[in-house]
């Protein structure tokens, strides 16, 4: 093998090495970009998870507040007792104050008219 052939082979190997270096550089850049993209997406997912946790905590607080308020409501049994009492008393048979006043005025008027006629 001559010196020129050896130099050509060295040049060929150097060119191949440069091509391989460029390919490796390109793969590394792509890999770095993919990693940055995944890190960004992972951070975004973590932020969303934290927000969901906060929302769940808020919901728990509201559910507890509703539960505390439910204790103030009447139970079915209490409503049944009230219903039974209302049926026994039947408040629709009661008269209002105005109705009583009208009745008293009418009776007094009749009584007074009757007594005046007797005199």
C-alpha atoms as a PDB file:
ATOM      1  CA  UNK A   1       0.000   0.000   0.000  1.00  0.00           C
ATOM      2  CA  UNK A   2       1.302   3.364  -0.977  1.00  0.00           C
ATOM      3  CA  UNK A   3       1.328   6.509   1.051  1.00  0.00           C
ATOM      4  CA  UNK A   4      -1.393   8.029  -1.093  1.00  0.00           C
ATOM      5  CA  UNK A   5      -3.655   5.054  -0.552  1.00  0.00           C
ATOM      6  CA  UNK A   6      -3.019   5.230   3.170  1.00  0.00           C
ATOM      7  CA  UNK A   7      -3.806   8.963   3.186  1.00  0.00           C
ATOM      8  CA  UNK A   8      -7.006   8.328   1.209  1.00  0.00           C
ATOM      9  CA  UNK A   9      -8.055   5.670   3.699  1.00  0.00           C
ATOM     10  CA  UNK A  10      -7.265   7.983   6.611  1.00  0.00           C
ATOM     11  CA  UNK A  11      -9.269  10.759   4.936  1.00  0.00           C
ATOM     12  CA  UNK A  12     -12.139   8.331   4.346  1.00  0.00           C
ATOM     13  CA  UNK A  13     -12.079   7.235   7.984  1.00  0.00           C
ATOM     14  CA  UNK A  14     -11.949  10.858   9.167  1.00  0.00           C
ATOM     15  CA  UNK A  15     -14.961  11.718   6.988  1.00  0.00           C
ATOM     16  CA  UNK A  16     -16.879   8.739   8.372  1.00  0.00           C
ATOM     17  CA  UNK A  17     -15.895   9.777  11.883  1.00  0.00           C
ATOM     18  CA  UNK A  18     -17.164  13.322  11.232  1.00  0.00           C
ATOM     19  CA  UNK A  19     -20.443  11.940   9.910  1.00  0.00           C
ATOM     20  CA  UNK A  20     -20.795   9.724  12.990  1.00  0.00           C
ATOM     21  CA  UNK A  21     -20.009  12.682  15.271  1.00  0.00           C
ATOM     22  CA  UNK A  22     -22.717  14.745  13.515  1.00  0.00           C
ATOM     23  CA  UNK A  23     -25.203  11.905  13.880  1.00  0.00           C
ATOM     24  CA  UNK A  24     -24.328  11.501  17.563  1.00  0.00           C
ATOM     25  CA  UNK A  25     -24.663  15.265  18.101  1.00  0.00           C
ATOM     26  CA  UNK A  26     -28.027  15.294  16.359  1.00  0.00           C
ATOM     27  CA  UNK A  27     -29.284  12.322  18.393  1.00  0.00           C
ATOM     28  CA  UNK A  28     -28.080  13.978  21.596  1.00  0.00           C
ATOM     29  CA  UNK A  29     -29.863  17.266  20.728  1.00  0.00           C
ATOM     30  CA  UNK A  30     -33.055  15.396  19.910  1.00  0.00           C
ATOM     31  CA  UNK A  31     -32.762  13.449  23.130  1.00  0.00           C
ATOM     32  CA  UNK A  32     -32.243  16.676  25.110  1.00  0.00           C
ATOM     33  CA  UNK A  33     -35.290  18.271  23.462  1.00  0.00           C
ATOM     34  CA  UNK A  34     -37.413  15.220  24.205  1.00  0.00           C
ATOM     35  CA  UNK A  35     -36.236  15.221  27.821  1.00  0.00           C
ATOM     36  CA  UNK A  36     -37.027  18.942  28.227  1.00  0.00           C
ATOM     37  CA  UNK A  37     -40.463  18.377  26.706  1.00  0.00           C
ATOM     38  CA  UNK A  38     -41.169  15.501  29.096  1.00  0.00           C
ATOM     39  CA  UNK A  39     -39.918  17.530  32.061  1.00  0.00           C
ATOM     40  CA  UNK A  40     -42.226  20.399  31.073  1.00  0.00           C
ATOM     41  CA  UNK A  41     -45.179  18.047  30.689  1.00  0.00           C
ATOM     42  CA  UNK A  42     -44.363  16.347  34.005  1.00  0.00           C
ATOM     43  CA  UNK A  43     -44.244  19.734  35.764  1.00  0.00           C
ATOM     44  CA  UNK A  44     -47.565  20.647  34.192  1.00  0.00           C
ATOM     45  CA  UNK A  45     -49.109  17.355  35.335  1.00  0.00           C
ATOM     46  CA  UNK A  46     -47.748  17.908  38.856  1.00  0.00           C
ATOM     47  CA  UNK A  47     -49.284  21.404  38.954  1.00  0.00           C
ATOM     48  CA  UNK A  48     -52.612  19.994  37.801  1.00  0.00           C
ATOM     49  CA  UNK A  49     -52.433  17.216  40.420  1.00  0.00           C
ATOM     50  CA  UNK A  50     -51.745  19.796  43.133  1.00  0.00           C
ATOM     51  CA  UNK A  51     -54.702  21.884  41.948  1.00  0.00           C
ATOM     52  CA  UNK A  52     -56.930  18.799  41.964  1.00  0.00           C
ATOM     53  CA  UNK A  53     -55.781  18.035  45.523  1.00  0.00           C
ATOM     54  CA  UNK A  54     -56.708  21.580  46.572  1.00  0.00           C
ATOM     55  CA  UNK A  55     -60.090  21.251  44.856  1.00  0.00           C
ATOM     56  CA  UNK A  56     -60.715  17.932  46.627  1.00  0.00           C
ATOM     57  CA  UNK A  57     -59.839  19.521  49.975  1.00  0.00           C
ATOM     58  CA  UNK A  58     -62.277  22.376  49.243  1.00  0.00           C
ATOM     59  CA  UNK A  59     -64.967  19.864  48.335  1.00  0.00           C
ATOM     60  CA  UNK A  60     -64.326  17.949  51.562  1.00  0.00           C
ATOM     61  CA  UNK A  61     -64.722  21.160  53.572  1.00  0.00           C
ATOM     62  CA  UNK A  62     -67.983  21.968  51.784  1.00  0.00           C
ATOM     63  CA  UNK A  63     -69.297  18.429  52.266  1.00  0.00           C
ATOM     64  CA  UNK A  64     -68.526  18.653  55.984  1.00  0.00           C
ATOM     65  CA  UNK A  65     -70.327  22.015  56.173  1.00  0.00           C
ATOM     66  CA  UNK A  66     -73.351  20.514  54.409  1.00  0.00           C
ATOM     67  CA  UNK A  67     -73.241  17.514  56.737  1.00  0.00           C
ATOM     68  CA  UNK A  68     -73.203  19.846  59.747  1.00  0.00           C
ATOM     69  CA  UNK A  69     -76.203  21.715  58.324  1.00  0.00           C
ATOM     70  CA  UNK A  70     -78.068  18.455  57.701  1.00  0.00           C
ATOM     71  CA  UNK A  71     -78.072  17.856  61.452  1.00  0.00           C
ATOM     72  CA  UNK A  72     -80.298  20.936  61.766  1.00  0.00           C
ATOM     73  CA  UNK A  73     -82.952  19.542  59.432  1.00  0.00           C
ATOM     74  CA  UNK A  74     -85.889  17.516  60.715  1.00  0.00           C
ATOM     75  CA  UNK A  75     -85.739  13.758  60.285  1.00  0.00           C
ATOM     76  CA  UNK A  76     -88.462  11.705  58.630  1.00  0.00           C
ATOM     77  CA  UNK A  77     -89.656  10.540  62.046  1.00  0.00           C
ATOM     78  CA  UNK A  78     -89.830  14.124  63.322  1.00  0.00           C
ATOM     79  CA  UNK A  79     -91.840  15.161  60.253  1.00  0.00           C
ATOM     80  CA  UNK A  80     -94.236  12.262  60.848  1.00  0.00           C
ATOM     81  CA  UNK A  81     -94.741  13.391  64.463  1.00  0.00           C
ATOM     82  CA  UNK A  82     -95.400  16.965  63.331  1.00  0.00           C
ATOM     83  CA  UNK A  83     -97.805  15.714  60.676  1.00  0.00           C
ATOM     84  CA  UNK A  84     -99.673  13.611  63.241  1.00  0.00           C
ATOM     85  CA  UNK A  85     -99.907  16.586  65.606  1.00  0.00           C
ATOM     86  CA  UNK A  86    -101.177  18.865  62.842  1.00  0.00           C
ATOM     87  CA  UNK A  87    -103.822  16.339  61.883  1.00  0.00           C
ATOM     88  CA  UNK A  88    -104.945  16.095  65.518  1.00  0.00           C
ATOM     89  CA  UNK A  89    -105.034  19.869  66.056  1.00  0.00           C
ATOM     90  CA  UNK A  90    -106.235  20.727  62.538  1.00  0.00           C
ATOM     91  CA  UNK A  91    -105.240  24.408  62.513  1.00  0.00           C
ATOM     92  CA  UNK A  92    -107.550  25.067  59.582  1.00  0.00           C
ATOM     93  CA  UNK A  93    -110.463  24.921  62.032  1.00  0.00           C
ATOM     94  CA  UNK A  94    -109.050  27.825  64.057  1.00  0.00           C
ATOM     95  CA  UNK A  95    -110.149  31.378  63.382  1.00  0.00           C
ATOM     96  CA  UNK A  96    -107.969  34.393  62.948  1.00  0.00           C
ATOM     97  CA  UNK A  97    -107.956  37.364  65.300  1.00  0.00           C
ATOM     98  CA  UNK A  98    -109.851  39.455  62.750  1.00  0.00           C
ATOM     99  CA  UNK A  99    -112.485  36.782  62.362  1.00  0.00           C
ATOM    100  CA  UNK A 100    -112.929  36.652  66.167  1.00  0.00           C
ATOM    101  CA  UNK A 101    -113.229  40.439  66.303  1.00  0.00           C
ATOM    102  CA  UNK A 102    -115.904  40.368  63.570  1.00  0.00           C
ATOM    103  CA  UNK A 103    -117.861  37.671  65.388  1.00  0.00           C
ATOM    104  CA  UNK A 104    -117.658  39.548  68.708  1.00  0.00           C
ATOM    105  CA  UNK A 105    -118.781  42.810  67.050  1.00  0.00           C
ATOM    106  CA  UNK A 106    -121.692  41.069  65.348  1.00  0.00           C
ATOM    107  CA  UNK A 107    -122.822  39.398  68.578  1.00  0.00           C
ATOM    108  CA  UNK A 108    -122.474  42.655  70.510  1.00  0.00           C
ATOM    109  CA  UNK A 109    -124.426  44.497  67.845  1.00  0.00           C
ATOM    110  CA  UNK A 110    -127.183  41.896  67.922  1.00  0.00           C
ATOM    111  CA  UNK A 111    -127.244  41.950  71.719  1.00  0.00           C
ATOM    112  CA  UNK A 112    -127.346  45.729  71.863  1.00  0.00           C
ATOM    113  CA  UNK A 113    -130.070  45.910  69.215  1.00  0.00           C
ATOM    114  CA  UNK A 114    -132.116  43.341  71.108  1.00  0.00           C
ATOM    115  CA  UNK A 115    -131.752  45.206  74.407  1.00  0.00           C
ATOM    116  CA  UNK A 116    -132.627  48.557  72.822  1.00  0.00           C
ATOM    117  CA  UNK A 117    -135.841  47.109  71.377  1.00  0.00           C
ATOM    118  CA  UNK A 118    -136.866  45.843  74.802  1.00  0.00           C
ATOM    119  CA  UNK A 119    -136.568  49.278  76.366  1.00  0.00           C
END
